[in-house]
Amino acid sequence: MAQWLDAKVVSRTDWNDHLFSLRFSCENFPRFKAGQFTKVGVEQDDKILSRPYSLVSGPNDNELEIIAVPVEDGLLSPKLHTLQIGDCLKIMSPATGFLVLDEVPKSRDLWLMATGTGVGPFLSILATDEAWQSYDNIILVYGARYQHDLAYMPLIEDWLKRYSDRFHFVPIVSRENKDDALHGRIPTLLKTLSIQQHVGLDIHPSHSQVMLCGNPDMIEDATQTLIELGLAKHLRRSPGQISLERYW
């Protein structure tokens, strides 16, 4: 049965002035699957103001972590943005969601494509041994407006060192030109094969699984492009190669 648990902020990271991560302790929070989400909230007027957030932390982590942006005129996110170490919040138990590896058919290559805070569940997945044991190649495609909006770069760079022959990272920025990132939108760069050429791997239904998370427009357009490449949406009753989770 779903229930609210008490949690306390143990650390925060401000990636820039509008992108932040909160890490918190929560006793008795049940084990979750990498890629799942839960509701995070704060008490206000004897009610709990909440919304769902993917868990960035891995299932074996002793603490929970989320990444968020303070949405202008938002009811909850600006309040979360003000939280400091020691502040209290509420966490819904248990976590839920189907953007998890045991829902994805096996393949040679796993493509993780995210925009903005949609990278969260993929970082959780990459923190597991299961991911590295299940695929020959893992490709993280991470899109943002500006380079400073690409969070968790030290963690990503560590995986690049540890799995240099199997892990590929494709940073993409849409509103500036940077030498070390592709410029544009994920769907367009898929259509022109720029992402595939950057990695040196193709996307084919015979050996590729693609997980999408983030902006609904990106997901819709990327899905259509992937379908044009021969892939199909994955459903339990009809296995395919595209799994997705929209963020609003």
C-alpha atoms as a PDB file:
ATOM      1  CA  MET A   1       0.000   0.000   0.000  1.00  0.00           C
ATOM      2  CA  ALA A   2       1.299   3.449  -0.913  1.00  0.00           C
ATOM      3  CA  GLN A   3       2.171   5.642   2.056  1.00  0.00           C
ATOM      4  CA  TRP A   4       4.027   8.839   2.847  1.00  0.00           C
ATOM      5  CA  LEU A   5       7.381   8.521   4.608  1.00  0.00           C
ATOM      6  CA  ASP A   6       9.418  11.215   6.321  1.00  0.00           C
ATOM      7  CA  ALA A   7      12.689  12.205   4.682  1.00  0.00           C
ATOM      8  CA  LYS A   8      15.445  14.701   5.416  1.00  0.00           C
ATOM      9  CA  VAL A   9      17.785  16.506   3.039  1.00  0.00           C
ATOM     10  CA  VAL A  10      21.401  15.400   3.544  1.00  0.00           C
ATOM     11  CA  SER A  11      22.985  17.308   0.648  1.00  0.00           C
ATOM     12  CA  ARG A  12      22.183  19.383  -2.409  1.00  0.00           C
ATOM     13  CA  THR A  13      24.007  20.186  -5.626  1.00  0.00           C
ATOM     14  CA  ASP A  14      23.325  23.318  -7.639  1.00  0.00           C
ATOM     15  CA  TRP A  15      24.418  22.589 -11.201  1.00  0.00           C
ATOM     16  CA  ASN A  16      23.513  26.171 -12.116  1.00  0.00           C
ATOM     17  CA  ASP A  17      20.986  28.754 -10.928  1.00  0.00           C
ATOM     18  CA  HIS A  18      17.988  26.755 -12.190  1.00  0.00           C
ATOM     19  CA  LEU A  19      19.057  23.100 -12.084  1.00  0.00           C
ATOM     20  CA  PHE A  20      19.602  21.322  -8.786  1.00  0.00           C
ATOM     21  CA  SER A  21      19.719  17.916  -7.139  1.00  0.00           C
ATOM     22  CA  LEU A  22      18.508  16.968  -3.688  1.00  0.00           C
ATOM     23  CA  ARG A  23      19.828  13.978  -1.807  1.00  0.00           C
ATOM     24  CA  PHE A  24      17.894  12.782   1.214  1.00  0.00           C
ATOM     25  CA  SER A  25      17.663  10.034   3.763  1.00  0.00           C
ATOM     26  CA  CYS A  26      14.439   8.111   4.241  1.00  0.00           C
ATOM     27  CA  GLU A  27      14.287   5.253   6.695  1.00  0.00           C
ATOM     28  CA  ASN A  28      12.394   2.141   5.633  1.00  0.00           C
ATOM     29  CA  PHE A  29      12.072   3.203   2.000  1.00  0.00           C
ATOM     30  CA  PRO A  30      11.713  -0.130   0.172  1.00  0.00           C
ATOM     31  CA  ARG A  31      14.120  -1.269  -2.497  1.00  0.00           C
ATOM     32  CA  PHE A  32      13.200   0.017  -5.938  1.00  0.00           C
ATOM     33  CA  LYS A  33      14.143  -0.769  -9.510  1.00  0.00           C
ATOM     34  CA  ALA A  34      16.549   1.505 -11.346  1.00  0.00           C
ATOM     35  CA  GLY A  35      14.525   3.804 -13.574  1.00  0.00           C
ATOM     36  CA  GLN A  36      11.493   4.087 -11.316  1.00  0.00           C
ATOM     37  CA  PHE A  37       9.958   7.253  -9.874  1.00  0.00           C
ATOM     38  CA  THR A  38       8.051   8.289  -6.781  1.00  0.00           C
ATOM     39  CA  LYS A  39       6.223  11.308  -5.444  1.00  0.00           C
ATOM     40  CA  VAL A  40       8.164  13.922  -3.512  1.00  0.00           C
ATOM     41  CA  GLY A  41       6.335  16.517  -1.472  1.00  0.00           C
ATOM     42  CA  VAL A  42       6.320  19.127   1.258  1.00  0.00           C
ATOM     43  CA  GLU A  43       3.669  19.748   3.885  1.00  0.00           C
ATOM     44  CA  GLN A  44       1.578  22.875   3.430  1.00  0.00           C
ATOM     45  CA  ASP A  45      -1.620  23.815   5.245  1.00  0.00           C
ATOM     46  CA  ASP A  46      -2.026  20.309   6.664  1.00  0.00           C
ATOM     47  CA  LYS A  47      -1.764  18.853   3.163  1.00  0.00           C
ATOM     48  CA  ILE A  48       1.107  17.393   1.165  1.00  0.00           C
ATOM     49  CA  LEU A  49       1.955  19.263  -2.002  1.00  0.00           C
ATOM     50  CA  SER A  50       3.641  16.740  -4.288  1.00  0.00           C
ATOM     51  CA  ARG A  51       4.591  15.664  -7.784  1.00  0.00           C
ATOM     52  CA  PRO A  52       6.447  12.653  -9.270  1.00  0.00           C
ATOM     53  CA  TYR A  53      10.220  12.635  -9.666  1.00  0.00           C
ATOM     54  CA  SER A  54      12.469   9.936 -11.059  1.00  0.00           C
ATOM     55  CA  LEU A  55      15.102   8.617  -8.684  1.00  0.00           C
ATOM     56  CA  VAL A  56      18.635   9.376  -9.814  1.00  0.00           C
ATOM     57  CA  SER A  57      20.211   7.215  -7.135  1.00  0.00           C
ATOM     58  CA  GLY A  58      20.837   3.531  -7.722  1.00  0.00           C
ATOM     59  CA  PRO A  59      18.859   0.787  -5.948  1.00  0.00           C
ATOM     60  CA  ASN A  60      21.863  -0.087  -3.781  1.00  0.00           C
ATOM     61  CA  ASP A  61      22.361   3.467  -2.582  1.00  0.00           C
ATOM     62  CA  ASN A  62      21.599   4.160   1.074  1.00  0.00           C
ATOM     63  CA  GLU A  63      20.098   7.535   0.177  1.00  0.00           C
ATOM     64  CA  LEU A  64      17.668   8.811  -2.448  1.00  0.00           C
ATOM     65  CA  GLU A  65      18.332  11.565  -4.969  1.00  0.00           C
ATOM     66  CA  ILE A  66      16.298  13.576  -7.466  1.00  0.00           C
ATOM     67  CA  ILE A  67      17.122  16.252 -10.034  1.00  0.00           C
ATOM     68  CA  ALA A  68      14.751  19.154 -10.631  1.00  0.00           C
ATOM     69  CA  VAL A  69      14.256  22.656 -11.974  1.00  0.00           C
ATOM     70  CA  PRO A  70      12.226  25.378 -10.218  1.00  0.00           C
ATOM     71  CA  VAL A  71       9.375  25.838 -12.675  1.00  0.00           C
ATOM     72  CA  GLU A  72       8.227  29.450 -12.893  1.00  0.00           C
ATOM     73  CA  ASP A  73       4.864  29.782 -11.135  1.00  0.00           C
ATOM     74  CA  GLY A  74       5.141  26.128 -10.084  1.00  0.00           C
ATOM     75  CA  LEU A  75       3.547  25.098  -6.813  1.00  0.00           C
ATOM     76  CA  LEU A  76       6.166  22.627  -5.598  1.00  0.00           C
ATOM     77  CA  SER A  77       9.482  22.934  -7.429  1.00  0.00           C
ATOM     78  CA  PRO A  78      10.304  26.482  -6.201  1.00  0.00           C
ATOM     79  CA  LYS A  79       9.798  25.207  -2.642  1.00  0.00           C
ATOM     80  CA  LEU A  80      12.093  22.247  -3.261  1.00  0.00           C
ATOM     81  CA  HIS A  81      14.648  24.675  -4.675  1.00  0.00           C
ATOM     82  CA  THR A  82      14.845  26.451  -1.302  1.00  0.00           C
ATOM     83  CA  LEU A  83      15.423  23.297   0.768  1.00  0.00           C
ATOM     84  CA  GLN A  84      18.723  23.048   2.620  1.00  0.00           C
ATOM     85  CA  ILE A  85      20.548  20.315   4.524  1.00  0.00           C
ATOM     86  CA  GLY A  86      18.436  19.185   7.467  1.00  0.00           C
ATOM     87  CA  ASP A  87      15.118  20.292   5.991  1.00  0.00           C
ATOM     88  CA  CYS A  88      12.241  17.805   5.933  1.00  0.00           C
ATOM     89  CA  LEU A  89      10.141  16.542   3.060  1.00  0.00           C
ATOM     90  CA  LYS A  90       7.805  13.676   2.267  1.00  0.00           C
ATOM     91  CA  ILE A  91       8.447  10.666   0.018  1.00  0.00           C
ATOM     92  CA  MET A  92       5.786   8.319  -1.304  1.00  0.00           C
ATOM     93  CA  SER A  93       6.558   4.637  -0.774  1.00  0.00           C
ATOM     94  CA  PRO A  94       7.022   2.490  -2.804  1.00  0.00           C
ATOM     95  CA  ALA A  95       8.544   3.727  -6.057  1.00  0.00           C
ATOM     96  CA  THR A  96       6.815   2.722  -9.273  1.00  0.00           C
ATOM     97  CA  GLY A  97       7.210   2.881 -13.066  1.00  0.00           C
ATOM     98  CA  PHE A  98       8.083   0.630 -15.981  1.00  0.00           C
ATOM     99  CA  LEU A  99      11.121   2.380 -17.495  1.00  0.00           C
ATOM    100  CA  VAL A 100      13.273  -0.411 -16.078  1.00  0.00           C
ATOM    101  CA  LEU A 101      15.639  -2.928 -17.627  1.00  0.00           C
ATOM    102  CA  ASP A 102      13.598  -6.032 -16.835  1.00  0.00           C
ATOM    103  CA  GLU A 103      10.848  -4.581 -19.042  1.00  0.00           C
ATOM    104  CA  VAL A 104      13.252  -4.129 -21.960  1.00  0.00           C
ATOM    105  CA  PRO A 105      14.011  -6.996 -24.367  1.00  0.00           C
ATOM    106  CA  LYS A 106      17.639  -8.079 -24.566  1.00  0.00           C
ATOM    107  CA  SER A 107      19.803  -6.732 -27.349  1.00  0.00           C
ATOM    108  CA  ARG A 108      23.398  -5.983 -28.206  1.00  0.00           C
ATOM    109  CA  ASP A 109      23.146  -2.200 -27.787  1.00  0.00           C
ATOM    110  CA  LEU A 110      21.205  -0.082 -25.315  1.00  0.00           C
ATOM    111  CA  TRP A 111      20.549   3.542 -26.302  1.00  0.00           C
ATOM    112  CA  LEU A 112      19.494   5.878 -23.478  1.00  0.00           C
ATOM    113  CA  MET A 113      18.178   9.172 -24.864  1.00  0.00           C
ATOM    114  CA  ALA A 114      17.193  11.996 -22.524  1.00  0.00           C
ATOM    115  CA  THR A 115      16.569  15.697 -22.395  1.00  0.00           C
ATOM    116  CA  GLY A 116      16.879  17.841 -19.268  1.00  0.00           C
ATOM    117  CA  THR A 117      16.006  16.145 -16.000  1.00  0.00           C
ATOM    118  CA  GLY A 118      14.925  13.094 -18.005  1.00  0.00           C
ATOM    119  CA  VAL A 119      18.498  11.883 -17.622  1.00  0.00           C
ATOM    120  CA  GLY A 120      17.691  10.948 -14.005  1.00  0.00           C
ATOM    121  CA  PRO A 121      16.342   7.407 -14.469  1.00  0.00           C
ATOM    122  CA  PHE A 122      19.161   6.572 -16.874  1.00  0.00           C
ATOM    123  CA  LEU A 123      21.782   7.557 -14.309  1.00  0.00           C
ATOM    124  CA  SER A 124      20.061   5.190 -11.889  1.00  0.00           C
ATOM    125  CA  ILE A 125      20.159   2.415 -14.495  1.00  0.00           C
ATOM    126  CA  LEU A 126      23.840   3.031 -15.238  1.00  0.00           C
ATOM    127  CA  ALA A 127      24.596   2.717 -11.516  1.00  0.00           C
ATOM    128  CA  THR A 128      23.605  -0.966 -11.589  1.00  0.00           C
ATOM    129  CA  ASP A 129      25.721  -4.001 -12.458  1.00  0.00           C
ATOM    130  CA  GLU A 130      22.772  -5.333 -14.451  1.00  0.00           C
ATOM    131  CA  ALA A 131      23.171  -2.682 -17.124  1.00  0.00           C
ATOM    132  CA  TRP A 132      26.842  -3.420 -17.745  1.00  0.00           C
ATOM    133  CA  GLN A 133      26.316  -7.175 -17.659  1.00  0.00           C
ATOM    134  CA  SER A 134      23.405  -7.142 -20.109  1.00  0.00           C
ATOM    135  CA  TYR A 135      24.668  -5.111 -23.089  1.00  0.00           C
ATOM    136  CA  ASP A 136      27.795  -5.007 -25.236  1.00  0.00           C
ATOM    137  CA  ASN A 137      27.390  -1.272 -25.797  1.00  0.00           C
ATOM    138  CA  ILE A 138      25.566   1.426 -23.835  1.00  0.00           C
ATOM    139  CA  ILE A 139      25.074   4.843 -25.382  1.00  0.00           C
ATOM    140  CA  LEU A 140      23.868   7.825 -23.341  1.00  0.00           C
ATOM    141  CA  VAL A 141      22.489  10.635 -25.503  1.00  0.00           C
ATOM    142  CA  TYR A 142      21.881  13.688 -23.301  1.00  0.00           C
ATOM    143  CA  GLY A 143      20.303  16.835 -24.690  1.00  0.00           C
ATOM    144  CA  ALA A 144      19.979  20.272 -23.095  1.00  0.00           C
ATOM    145  CA  ARG A 145      19.649  23.889 -24.146  1.00  0.00           C
ATOM    146  CA  TYR A 146      23.110  24.920 -22.969  1.00  0.00           C
ATOM    147  CA  GLN A 147      26.237  23.051 -21.979  1.00  0.00           C
ATOM    148  CA  HIS A 148      25.953  24.202 -18.361  1.00  0.00           C
ATOM    149  CA  ASP A 149      22.586  22.411 -18.231  1.00  0.00           C
ATOM    150  CA  LEU A 150      24.317  19.029 -18.586  1.00  0.00           C
ATOM    151  CA  ALA A 151      24.361  17.719 -15.014  1.00  0.00           C
ATOM    152  CA  TYR A 152      26.334  14.883 -13.416  1.00  0.00           C
ATOM    153  CA  MET A 153      29.257  15.250 -15.789  1.00  0.00           C
ATOM    154  CA  PRO A 154      31.836  13.974 -13.218  1.00  0.00           C
ATOM    155  CA  LEU A 155      29.793  10.782 -12.830  1.00  0.00           C
ATOM    156  CA  ILE A 156      29.427  10.351 -16.583  1.00  0.00           C
ATOM    157  CA  GLU A 157      33.150  10.946 -17.100  1.00  0.00           C
ATOM    158  CA  ASP A 158      33.914   8.284 -14.492  1.00  0.00           C
ATOM    159  CA  TRP A 159      31.838   5.735 -16.425  1.00  0.00           C
ATOM    160  CA  LEU A 160      33.645   6.739 -19.604  1.00  0.00           C
ATOM    161  CA  LYS A 161      36.939   5.860 -17.913  1.00  0.00           C
ATOM    162  CA  ARG A 162      35.707   2.627 -16.333  1.00  0.00           C
ATOM    163  CA  TYR A 163      33.924   1.337 -19.427  1.00  0.00           C
ATOM    164  CA  SER A 164      35.903   3.042 -22.163  1.00  0.00           C
ATOM    165  CA  ASP A 165      35.361   0.254 -24.688  1.00  0.00           C
ATOM    166  CA  ARG A 166      31.612  -0.116 -24.063  1.00  0.00           C
ATOM    167  CA  PHE A 167      30.178   3.215 -22.952  1.00  0.00           C
ATOM    168  CA  HIS A 168      29.556   6.076 -25.361  1.00  0.00           C
ATOM    169  CA  PHE A 169      28.390   9.550 -24.387  1.00  0.00           C
ATOM    170  CA  VAL A 170      26.755  11.997 -26.801  1.00  0.00           C
ATOM    171  CA  PRO A 171      26.148  15.466 -25.322  1.00  0.00           C
ATOM    172  CA  ILE A 172      23.826  17.664 -27.361  1.00  0.00           C
ATOM    173  CA  VAL A 173      23.062  21.356 -26.923  1.00  0.00           C
ATOM    174  CA  SER A 174      20.398  23.174 -28.889  1.00  0.00           C
ATOM    175  CA  ARG A 175      21.032  26.862 -28.220  1.00  0.00           C
ATOM    176  CA  GLU A 176      24.771  27.267 -28.537  1.00  0.00           C
ATOM    177  CA  ASN A 177      27.659  25.801 -30.488  1.00  0.00           C
ATOM    178  CA  LYS A 178      30.295  23.896 -28.551  1.00  0.00           C
ATOM    179  CA  ASP A 179      33.244  21.941 -29.921  1.00  0.00           C
ATOM    180  CA  ASP A 180      32.690  19.018 -27.555  1.00  0.00           C
ATOM    181  CA  ALA A 181      28.925  18.631 -28.108  1.00  0.00           C
ATOM    182  CA  LEU A 182      26.608  18.101 -31.050  1.00  0.00           C
ATOM    183  CA  HIS A 183      24.322  21.005 -31.895  1.00  0.00           C
ATOM    184  CA  GLY A 184      20.597  20.595 -32.491  1.00  0.00           C
ATOM    185  CA  ARG A 185      17.742  18.359 -31.371  1.00  0.00           C
ATOM    186  CA  ILE A 186      17.919  14.626 -30.782  1.00  0.00           C
ATOM    187  CA  PRO A 187      15.225  13.701 -33.366  1.00  0.00           C
ATOM    188  CA  THR A 188      16.885  15.720 -36.124  1.00  0.00           C
ATOM    189  CA  LEU A 189      20.340  14.354 -35.327  1.00  0.00           C
ATOM    190  CA  LEU A 190      18.938  10.825 -35.395  1.00  0.00           C
ATOM    191  CA  LYS A 191      17.307  11.444 -38.773  1.00  0.00           C
ATOM    192  CA  THR A 192      20.546  12.776 -40.267  1.00  0.00           C
ATOM    193  CA  LEU A 193      22.457   9.872 -38.658  1.00  0.00           C
ATOM    194  CA  SER A 194      24.724  12.388 -36.898  1.00  0.00           C
ATOM    195  CA  ILE A 195      24.378  10.652 -33.533  1.00  0.00           C
ATOM    196  CA  GLN A 196      25.002   7.213 -34.983  1.00  0.00           C
ATOM    197  CA  GLN A 197      28.060   8.415 -36.892  1.00  0.00           C
ATOM    198  CA  HIS A 198      29.378  10.207 -33.795  1.00  0.00           C
ATOM    199  CA  VAL A 199      29.244   6.934 -31.853  1.00  0.00           C
ATOM    200  CA  GLY A 200      30.226   4.628 -34.682  1.00  0.00           C
ATOM    201  CA  LEU A 201      27.199   2.374 -34.168  1.00  0.00           C
ATOM    202  CA  ASP A 202      23.984   2.064 -36.120  1.00  0.00           C
ATOM    203  CA  ILE A 203      20.473   1.768 -34.724  1.00  0.00           C
ATOM    204  CA  HIS A 204      18.791  -1.343 -36.065  1.00  0.00           C
ATOM    205  CA  PRO A 205      15.870  -3.439 -34.775  1.00  0.00           C
ATOM    206  CA  SER A 206      17.998  -6.581 -34.820  1.00  0.00           C
ATOM    207  CA  HIS A 207      20.456  -5.372 -32.180  1.00  0.00           C
ATOM    208  CA  SER A 208      19.196  -2.103 -30.635  1.00  0.00           C
ATOM    209  CA  GLN A 209      16.948  -1.139 -27.763  1.00  0.00           C
ATOM    210  CA  VAL A 210      16.162   2.541 -27.210  1.00  0.00           C
ATOM    211  CA  MET A 211      14.845   4.126 -24.017  1.00  0.00           C
ATOM    212  CA  LEU A 212      13.528   7.693 -24.211  1.00  0.00           C
ATOM    213  CA  CYS A 213      12.814  10.059 -21.327  1.00  0.00           C
ATOM    214  CA  GLY A 214      12.171  13.773 -21.009  1.00  0.00           C
ATOM    215  CA  ASN A 215      10.458  16.411 -23.098  1.00  0.00           C
ATOM    216  CA  PRO A 216       7.278  15.022 -24.735  1.00  0.00           C
ATOM    217  CA  ASP A 217       8.031  16.787 -28.029  1.00  0.00           C
ATOM    218  CA  MET A 218      11.460  15.149 -28.183  1.00  0.00           C
ATOM    219  CA  ILE A 219       9.954  11.780 -27.385  1.00  0.00           C
ATOM    220  CA  GLU A 220       7.219  12.068 -30.011  1.00  0.00           C
ATOM    221  CA  ASP A 221       9.587  13.226 -32.748  1.00  0.00           C
ATOM    222  CA  ALA A 222      12.368  10.787 -31.821  1.00  0.00           C
ATOM    223  CA  THR A 223       9.892   7.904 -31.723  1.00  0.00           C
ATOM    224  CA  GLN A 224       8.678   8.741 -35.221  1.00  0.00           C
ATOM    225  CA  THR A 225      12.261   8.907 -36.492  1.00  0.00           C
ATOM    226  CA  LEU A 226      13.090   5.569 -34.868  1.00  0.00           C
ATOM    227  CA  ILE A 227      10.001   4.011 -36.440  1.00  0.00           C
ATOM    228  CA  GLU A 228      11.237   5.276 -39.800  1.00  0.00           C
ATOM    229  CA  LEU A 229      14.506   3.464 -39.049  1.00  0.00           C
ATOM    230  CA  GLY A 230      12.564   0.231 -38.641  1.00  0.00           C
ATOM    231  CA  LEU A 231      12.071   0.122 -34.870  1.00  0.00           C
ATOM    232  CA  ALA A 232       8.727  -0.301 -33.099  1.00  0.00           C
ATOM    233  CA  LYS A 233       7.296   0.746 -29.746  1.00  0.00           C
ATOM    234  CA  HIS A 234       7.773  -1.911 -27.114  1.00  0.00           C
ATOM    235  CA  LEU A 235       4.704  -3.350 -25.424  1.00  0.00           C
ATOM    236  CA  ARG A 236       4.468  -6.455 -23.269  1.00  0.00           C
ATOM    237  CA  ARG A 237       1.928  -7.960 -25.634  1.00  0.00           C
ATOM    238  CA  SER A 238       3.928  -6.843 -28.671  1.00  0.00           C
ATOM    239  CA  PRO A 239       7.700  -6.659 -28.063  1.00  0.00           C
ATOM    240  CA  GLY A 240       9.560  -3.872 -29.829  1.00  0.00           C
ATOM    241  CA  GLN A 241      12.627  -1.708 -29.463  1.00  0.00           C
ATOM    242  CA  ILE A 242      11.379   1.664 -28.127  1.00  0.00           C
ATOM    243  CA  SER A 243      10.546   2.246 -24.445  1.00  0.00           C
ATOM    244  CA  LEU A 244       9.621   5.697 -23.202  1.00  0.00           C
ATOM    245  CA  GLU A 245       8.525   7.933 -20.351  1.00  0.00           C
ATOM    246  CA  ARG A 246       7.175  11.445 -20.822  1.00  0.00           C
ATOM    247  CA  TYR A 247       7.966  14.039 -18.171  1.00  0.00           C
ATOM    248  CA  TRP A 248       4.795  16.093 -18.341  1.00  0.00           C
END
